[in-house]
Amino acid sequence: MLSPLDDFPIHQVPEPVRRVGTSDRNFYDRYYFNCMAVGDGAEADGDAPFLITGMGQYPNLGVADAFAVVVHDGVHRVVRASRALGLDRMDTTVGPFSVDVVRGLEELQVRLDGAVTDTGDPTSLSFDLTWNGAQHPIEEPRHRDRDAVGRIFLDACRLAQTGSWTGTIRIGERIWDVAPDHWWGSRDRSWGIRPSGEPEPPGITAHLPSAGFRWLYVPVRFEDQSVFVICQSRNDGSRVLEEAVRVWRTESGEGVEHLGRPDYELQWDEEGRFVQKATVSAGRLELQVEPRVPIHLGVGTGYGFDPEWRHGKYAGDLMVQERQWDLRTEEGRAGMWGIVDSSARFTLSGSGSGSAEGQVGYGLFEYLMI
């Protein structure tokens, strides 16, 4: 099972690269990106789209897939594609999707070309975007969690980075020119084990109490610094994962500051569906959060909430689909649930902000409370 990647001196285990170092069916390797308009004005307040895209490979399932989701003008719009993985893991294309690493850890290009779906209709979404990191990526803490009987169902390594975008986004007949001064975002690369593909039989875990899953993830970019906050806890208050760091950007380089134990307070809307305001704290630093455009990331994209389309689920040699939910209707809104990724405006406060107190930044506000 040799592949072109085997000619590079990158091996970690005594196997060809195509064979990963575990037989766990749930091994994955994934890209995630988001792109948002920043600043004050009509575009950042909703006239411009909030776009999320990603691509994954699942070597032990023999599948590669990709998705893009955008909320604009009251429509939750998803384009997704899946293919058989094959031997070449350096092939980072899935139908009309592609990810090209121009300069590792610094610059990447992501594209969704116009394509025809399985229904014969052309996709209404396309983009050609180049990512440039605002600072060197950070390596987040190892993320491990076990189910009710003690089996590891999550064991992942992840890097994270804030940055800016250049290029174009098209929805229908409308095109946005994307420039780095006004379009920011964050990205991550993760790999390891997490539930993938067709659901496994739950067995005894279906009859055992759930520990709960309370998740908050905040990567945010400011003028001279980026802040990354992660917090996962169970219903009993115990922490599975936590970290809060600040990466300073100076003329002489970068410095990483560990901020202390993270915590947060959330103000929900009347229906308990969306966070309207939040305060995220870590040590002497506080972030005042104003969510802007929310996206239910799990709907239509493959993150486990749709039985017909899950990351790593085999859909044939190549499948391209588009799905839309009209959020202006009760039926469309009723289909939205699960993890929320929201573009957000952040304001620095607290004694740890120093001379930067009151500085405004932009980034991702991601939450899931089960």
Protein backbone atom coordinates (compact mmCIF):
# COMPACT_ATOMS: atom_id res chain seq x y z
CA MET A 1 0.00 0.00 0.00
CA LEU A 2 2.79 2.42 -0.91
CA SER A 3 1.97 5.97 -1.98
CA PRO A 4 3.97 9.01 -3.20
CA LEU A 5 4.18 10.30 0.38
CA ASP A 6 6.42 7.36 1.29
CA ASP A 7 9.30 8.98 -0.62
CA PHE A 8 9.42 11.74 2.03
CA PRO A 9 11.27 11.16 5.34
CA ILE A 10 8.18 11.65 7.51
CA HIS A 11 7.37 8.15 8.82
CA GLN A 12 6.38 7.77 12.47
CA VAL A 13 5.61 4.03 12.59
CA PRO A 14 7.05 1.03 10.68
CA GLU A 15 4.27 1.11 8.08
CA PRO A 16 3.62 2.89 4.78
CA VAL A 17 2.12 6.35 5.38
CA ARG A 18 -1.24 5.25 4.02
CA ARG A 19 -1.54 2.95 7.08
CA VAL A 20 -1.91 5.04 10.22
CA GLY A 21 -0.52 3.95 13.59
CA THR A 22 -3.82 2.60 14.90
CA SER A 23 -6.48 0.24 13.62
CA ASP A 24 -9.24 2.34 15.23
CA ARG A 25 -11.88 2.94 12.56
CA ASN A 26 -12.37 6.49 13.88
CA PHE A 27 -8.93 7.84 13.00
CA TYR A 28 -9.27 11.16 11.13
CA ASP A 29 -7.16 14.05 9.79
CA ARG A 30 -8.98 17.33 9.16
CA TYR A 31 -8.80 21.00 8.13
CA TYR A 32 -11.22 23.64 9.45
CA PHE A 33 -11.43 27.32 8.41
CA ASN A 34 -13.82 30.22 9.02
CA CYS A 35 -14.05 33.54 7.21
CA MET A 36 -15.92 36.61 8.48
CA ALA A 37 -16.23 40.31 7.68
CA VAL A 38 -14.84 42.44 10.52
CA GLY A 39 -15.18 46.00 11.66
CA ASP A 40 -18.30 48.13 11.93
CA GLY A 41 -20.73 48.65 9.09
CA ALA A 42 -23.26 46.83 6.95
CA GLU A 43 -21.00 43.98 5.85
CA ALA A 44 -19.93 42.89 9.31
CA ASP A 45 -23.45 43.34 10.67
CA GLY A 46 -24.94 40.73 8.37
CA ASP A 47 -24.83 41.88 4.77
CA ALA A 48 -21.67 39.84 4.18
CA PRO A 49 -21.69 36.06 4.57
CA PHE A 50 -20.12 34.10 7.42
CA LEU A 51 -18.41 31.11 5.82
CA ILE A 52 -17.06 27.89 7.34
CA THR A 53 -15.33 25.18 5.34
CA GLY A 54 -13.40 22.02 6.09
CA MET A 55 -11.94 18.82 4.66
CA GLY A 56 -11.13 15.49 6.26
CA GLN A 57 -9.52 12.14 5.51
CA TYR A 58 -10.48 8.89 7.26
CA PRO A 59 -7.81 6.34 6.32
CA ASN A 60 -9.35 3.34 8.11
CA LEU A 61 -12.72 4.04 6.49
CA GLY A 62 -11.29 4.73 3.03
CA VAL A 63 -13.14 8.04 2.70
CA ALA A 64 -12.30 11.73 2.17
CA ASP A 65 -14.93 14.47 2.40
CA ALA A 66 -15.36 18.23 2.48
CA PHE A 67 -18.03 20.79 3.24
CA ALA A 68 -18.80 24.49 3.17
CA VAL A 69 -21.60 26.16 5.09
CA VAL A 70 -22.63 29.78 4.88
CA VAL A 71 -25.45 31.78 6.45
CA HIS A 72 -26.54 34.78 4.44
CA ASP A 73 -29.85 36.55 3.83
CA GLY A 74 -31.74 34.14 6.08
CA VAL A 75 -30.55 30.94 4.40
CA HIS A 76 -28.39 28.16 5.90
CA ARG A 77 -26.62 26.87 2.78
CA VAL A 78 -24.40 23.76 2.64
CA VAL A 79 -22.31 22.33 -0.20
CA ARG A 80 -20.68 18.98 0.59
CA ALA A 81 -18.71 16.31 -1.24
CA SER A 82 -17.38 12.84 -0.50
CA ARG A 83 -15.10 10.45 -2.37
CA ALA A 84 -13.19 7.23 -1.95
CA LEU A 85 -9.84 8.10 -0.36
CA GLY A 86 -7.55 5.91 -2.47
CA LEU A 87 -3.82 5.65 -1.76
CA ASP A 88 -2.55 9.21 -2.13
CA ARG A 89 -3.09 11.14 1.09
CA MET A 90 -1.36 14.16 -0.47
CA ASP A 91 -4.42 14.52 -2.73
CA THR A 92 -6.26 17.25 -0.81
CA THR A 93 -9.15 17.54 -3.24
CA VAL A 94 -12.69 16.25 -2.92
CA GLY A 95 -14.64 16.90 -6.10
CA PRO A 96 -14.90 20.72 -6.41
CA PHE A 97 -13.14 21.33 -3.07
CA SER A 98 -9.39 21.74 -2.67
CA VAL A 99 -6.90 22.75 0.03
CA ASP A 100 -3.37 23.71 -1.06
CA VAL A 101 -0.57 24.30 1.45
CA VAL A 102 1.42 27.16 -0.08
CA ARG A 103 3.72 27.71 2.92
CA GLY A 104 3.29 25.30 5.80
CA LEU A 105 1.84 26.91 8.97
CA GLU A 106 1.64 30.29 7.19
CA GLU A 107 -0.29 30.36 3.91
CA LEU A 108 -2.96 28.05 2.48
CA GLN A 109 -5.42 28.28 -0.39
CA VAL A 110 -8.94 26.87 -0.15
CA ARG A 111 -11.34 26.64 -3.08
CA LEU A 112 -14.83 25.50 -3.92
CA ASP A 113 -15.23 25.62 -7.68
CA GLY A 114 -18.59 25.73 -9.35
CA ALA A 115 -19.93 22.20 -9.70
CA VAL A 116 -22.99 20.15 -10.59
CA THR A 117 -24.65 18.27 -7.73
CA ASP A 118 -26.24 14.82 -7.68
CA THR A 119 -29.54 16.44 -8.65
CA GLY A 120 -28.01 17.97 -11.80
CA ASP A 121 -28.25 21.52 -10.43
CA PRO A 122 -25.23 23.84 -10.23
CA THR A 123 -24.02 24.76 -6.76
CA SER A 124 -25.00 28.25 -5.65
CA LEU A 125 -21.84 28.75 -3.58
CA SER A 126 -18.20 28.99 -4.64
CA PHE A 127 -15.05 30.66 -3.36
CA ASP A 128 -11.34 31.07 -4.00
CA LEU A 129 -9.61 32.21 -0.82
CA THR A 130 -6.03 32.51 0.41
CA TRP A 131 -5.27 32.32 4.12
CA ASN A 132 -2.37 34.10 5.82
CA GLY A 133 -1.70 33.51 9.50
CA ALA A 134 -1.45 36.45 11.88
CA GLN A 135 0.98 34.52 14.07
CA HIS A 136 2.60 31.11 14.30
CA PRO A 137 0.01 28.44 15.14
CA ILE A 138 -0.23 27.21 18.70
CA GLU A 139 -0.36 23.54 19.64
CA GLU A 140 -3.38 23.03 21.84
CA PRO A 141 -3.44 20.51 24.72
CA ARG A 142 -4.01 16.85 23.87
CA HIS A 143 -7.80 16.30 23.85
CA ARG A 144 -8.85 12.95 25.33
CA ASP A 145 -12.23 11.79 26.59
CA ARG A 146 -13.84 8.45 27.47
CA ASP A 147 -17.40 7.14 27.22
CA ALA A 148 -19.49 5.73 30.06
CA VAL A 149 -17.70 2.35 30.05
CA GLY A 150 -14.22 3.89 29.81
CA ARG A 151 -13.47 3.51 26.11
CA ILE A 152 -11.53 6.38 24.55
CA PHE A 153 -13.78 7.94 21.90
CA LEU A 154 -11.79 11.17 21.50
CA ASP A 155 -8.01 11.46 21.35
CA ALA A 156 -6.83 14.33 19.19
CA CYS A 157 -3.95 16.72 18.58
CA ARG A 158 -4.76 20.16 17.21
CA LEU A 159 -3.05 23.35 16.05
CA ALA A 160 -4.88 26.67 15.94
CA GLN A 161 -4.22 30.02 14.29
CA THR A 162 -5.88 33.37 13.63
CA GLY A 163 -5.37 35.21 10.37
CA SER A 164 -6.83 37.01 7.38
CA TRP A 165 -8.24 36.22 3.94
CA THR A 166 -7.82 37.37 0.34
CA GLY A 167 -9.93 36.33 -2.65
CA THR A 168 -13.61 36.08 -3.61
CA ILE A 169 -16.85 34.50 -2.36
CA ARG A 170 -19.88 33.93 -4.61
CA ILE A 171 -23.44 33.20 -3.52
CA GLY A 172 -25.84 32.98 -6.44
CA GLU A 173 -25.17 35.98 -8.65
CA ARG A 174 -23.52 38.05 -5.93
CA ILE A 175 -19.74 38.22 -5.46
CA TRP A 176 -17.75 39.66 -2.54
CA ASP A 177 -14.17 40.80 -2.93
CA VAL A 178 -12.33 39.59 0.15
CA ALA A 179 -9.40 41.69 1.41
CA PRO A 180 -7.23 41.03 4.49
CA ASP A 181 -8.01 44.34 6.23
CA HIS A 182 -11.71 43.50 6.49
CA TRP A 183 -11.92 39.68 6.39
CA TRP A 184 -10.45 37.74 9.29
CA GLY A 185 -10.97 34.30 10.77
CA SER A 186 -9.38 31.32 12.43
CA ARG A 187 -8.39 27.84 11.41
CA ASP A 188 -7.39 24.58 13.00
CA ARG A 189 -5.82 21.29 11.98
CA SER A 190 -6.68 18.27 14.05
CA TRP A 191 -5.95 14.58 13.79
CA GLY A 192 -6.46 11.52 15.93
CA ILE A 193 -9.59 9.66 16.99
CA ARG A 194 -13.16 10.94 17.10
CA PRO A 195 -16.49 9.32 16.11
CA SER A 196 -16.58 9.03 12.31
CA GLY A 197 -18.44 7.20 9.59
CA GLU A 198 -21.52 5.09 10.10
CA PRO A 199 -22.72 5.08 13.75
CA GLU A 200 -21.48 2.20 15.88
CA PRO A 201 -23.98 0.19 17.97
CA PRO A 202 -24.20 1.91 21.38
CA GLY A 203 -24.43 -1.30 23.38
CA ILE A 204 -24.58 -0.80 27.13
CA THR A 205 -23.76 2.92 26.85
CA ALA A 206 -27.34 3.52 25.68
CA HIS A 207 -28.50 2.49 29.16
CA LEU A 208 -25.92 4.42 31.19
CA PRO A 209 -26.23 8.06 32.27
CA SER A 210 -24.49 10.62 30.09
CA ALA A 211 -21.66 12.63 31.63
CA GLY A 212 -22.71 15.68 29.63
CA PHE A 213 -20.68 17.74 27.18
CA ARG A 214 -20.30 21.47 27.83
CA TRP A 215 -17.97 23.05 25.30
CA LEU A 216 -16.68 26.55 24.71
CA TYR A 217 -13.99 27.47 22.16
CA VAL A 218 -12.81 31.03 21.50
CA PRO A 219 -9.98 31.94 19.11
CA VAL A 220 -9.93 35.74 18.66
CA ARG A 221 -7.61 38.19 16.93
CA PHE A 222 -6.76 41.68 18.15
CA GLU A 223 -4.45 44.26 16.64
CA ASP A 224 -1.31 43.15 18.49
CA GLN A 225 -2.30 39.81 20.02
CA SER A 226 -4.45 36.71 19.66
CA VAL A 227 -6.28 34.92 22.47
CA PHE A 228 -7.26 31.24 22.50
CA VAL A 229 -9.64 29.82 25.12
CA ILE A 230 -10.86 26.21 25.37
CA CYS A 231 -13.11 24.79 28.05
CA GLN A 232 -14.84 21.39 28.14
CA SER A 233 -16.61 20.24 31.28
CA ARG A 234 -19.07 17.55 32.37
CA ASN A 235 -22.41 17.98 34.10
CA ASP A 236 -20.77 17.54 37.51
CA GLY A 237 -18.45 20.47 36.81
CA SER A 238 -15.28 18.44 36.27
CA ARG A 239 -13.02 19.66 33.47
CA VAL A 240 -11.95 17.42 30.59
CA LEU A 241 -9.95 20.11 28.76
CA GLU A 242 -9.03 23.69 29.53
CA GLU A 243 -6.52 26.26 28.34
CA ALA A 244 -6.26 30.01 27.91
CA VAL A 245 -3.26 31.57 26.19
CA ARG A 246 -2.36 34.88 24.63
CA VAL A 247 0.06 35.18 21.72
CA TRP A 248 1.68 38.60 21.49
CA ARG A 249 2.83 39.88 18.10
CA THR A 250 5.80 42.26 18.34
CA GLU A 251 8.52 43.50 15.99
CA SER A 252 10.99 41.13 17.64
CA GLY A 253 8.77 38.06 17.28
CA GLU A 254 6.04 36.34 19.26
CA GLY A 255 5.53 35.42 22.86
CA VAL A 256 3.03 33.03 24.42
CA GLU A 257 1.47 33.96 27.76
CA HIS A 258 -0.54 31.43 29.76
CA LEU A 259 -3.46 33.31 31.26
CA GLY A 260 -4.80 30.90 33.89
CA ARG A 261 -7.97 28.88 34.41
CA PRO A 262 -10.71 29.88 31.93
CA ASP A 263 -14.34 30.45 32.87
CA TYR A 264 -17.38 32.03 31.27
CA GLU A 265 -20.88 33.43 31.78
CA LEU A 266 -23.52 33.11 29.04
CA GLN A 267 -26.70 35.12 28.50
CA TRP A 268 -29.17 33.15 26.38
CA ASP A 269 -32.14 34.29 24.32
CA GLU A 270 -35.67 33.52 25.54
CA GLU A 271 -35.77 30.16 23.72
CA GLY A 272 -32.36 29.08 25.01
CA ARG A 273 -31.09 28.56 21.46
CA PHE A 274 -28.47 31.28 21.02
CA VAL A 275 -26.06 33.11 23.30
CA GLN A 276 -26.78 36.83 23.09
CA LYS A 277 -23.90 38.07 25.24
CA ALA A 278 -21.06 36.44 27.14
CA THR A 279 -18.08 37.15 29.35
CA VAL A 280 -15.04 34.91 29.02
CA SER A 281 -12.38 35.23 31.71
CA ALA A 282 -8.92 33.79 32.24
CA GLY A 283 -6.80 35.03 35.11
CA ARG A 284 -6.83 38.84 35.07
CA LEU A 285 -8.07 39.03 31.47
CA GLU A 286 -11.70 39.30 30.41
CA LEU A 287 -13.36 39.23 27.00
CA GLN A 288 -16.75 40.84 26.51
CA VAL A 289 -18.43 38.91 23.70
CA GLU A 290 -21.06 40.13 21.22
CA PRO A 291 -22.04 37.22 18.90
CA ARG A 292 -22.92 38.34 15.38
CA VAL A 293 -23.83 35.70 12.78
CA PRO A 294 -24.49 32.22 14.24
CA ILE A 295 -24.20 29.01 12.24
CA HIS A 296 -25.43 25.63 13.45
CA LEU A 297 -22.26 23.86 12.36
CA GLY A 298 -23.66 20.35 12.78
CA VAL A 299 -26.56 20.78 10.34
CA GLY A 300 -25.77 19.38 6.90
CA THR A 301 -21.99 19.44 7.20
CA GLY A 302 -21.26 15.97 8.61
CA TYR A 303 -20.48 16.74 12.25
CA GLY A 304 -22.63 13.87 13.45
CA PHE A 305 -26.14 15.32 13.60
CA ASP A 306 -27.42 14.15 10.18
CA PRO A 307 -27.83 10.39 9.70
CA GLU A 308 -27.68 10.81 5.91
CA TRP A 309 -24.33 12.64 5.91
CA ARG A 310 -21.64 12.07 8.53
CA HIS A 311 -17.93 12.74 8.31
CA GLY A 312 -16.26 9.61 7.02
CA LYS A 313 -19.47 7.90 5.92
CA TYR A 314 -19.08 6.22 2.55
CA ALA A 315 -21.20 7.90 -0.16
CA GLY A 316 -19.68 6.35 -3.29
CA ASP A 317 -16.66 7.07 -5.46
CA LEU A 318 -17.73 10.74 -5.69
CA MET A 319 -20.81 12.55 -4.46
CA VAL A 320 -21.52 16.30 -4.52
CA GLN A 321 -24.63 17.75 -2.89
CA GLU A 322 -26.18 21.07 -1.92
CA ARG A 323 -28.80 21.54 0.80
CA GLN A 324 -30.57 24.70 1.99
CA TRP A 325 -32.63 25.59 5.07
CA ASP A 326 -34.76 28.76 5.02
CA LEU A 327 -34.25 30.31 8.46
CA ARG A 328 -37.12 32.73 7.84
CA THR A 329 -39.59 29.84 8.24
CA GLU A 330 -40.53 27.86 11.36
CA GLU A 331 -39.66 24.63 9.57
CA GLY A 332 -36.20 25.88 8.68
CA ARG A 333 -35.48 27.16 12.18
CA ALA A 334 -36.71 23.90 13.72
CA GLY A 335 -34.00 22.03 11.83
CA MET A 336 -31.25 24.02 13.55
CA TRP A 337 -29.74 22.44 16.66
CA GLY A 338 -26.46 21.32 18.15
CA ILE A 339 -23.10 23.05 18.12
CA VAL A 340 -23.09 26.76 17.20
CA ASP A 341 -20.20 28.60 15.53
CA SER A 342 -20.77 32.34 15.63
CA SER A 343 -18.72 35.20 14.30
CA ALA A 344 -18.28 37.62 17.16
CA ARG A 345 -16.94 40.97 18.31
CA PHE A 346 -14.73 40.90 21.41
CA THR A 347 -13.65 43.70 23.74
CA LEU A 348 -10.66 43.35 26.06
CA SER A 349 -11.19 44.24 29.72
CA GLY A 350 -9.89 43.31 33.17
CA SER A 351 -6.67 44.27 34.92
CA GLY A 352 -4.71 41.89 32.67
CA SER A 353 -5.54 43.88 29.55
CA GLY A 354 -3.17 46.71 30.50
CA SER A 355 -2.84 49.42 27.87
CA ALA A 356 -4.94 47.29 25.49
CA GLU A 357 -8.09 47.67 27.63
CA GLY A 358 -11.04 48.46 25.42
CA GLN A 359 -9.34 47.14 22.31
CA VAL A 360 -11.77 45.44 19.91
CA GLY A 361 -11.06 42.17 18.15
CA TYR A 362 -12.95 39.59 16.08
CA GLY A 363 -13.08 35.84 16.04
CA LEU A 364 -15.02 32.66 16.60
CA PHE A 365 -17.42 32.02 19.48
CA GLU A 366 -18.23 28.29 19.49
CA TYR A 367 -20.44 26.55 22.04
CA LEU A 368 -22.30 23.29 22.65
CA MET A 369 -24.15 22.48 25.87
CA ILE A 370 -25.53 18.94 26.23
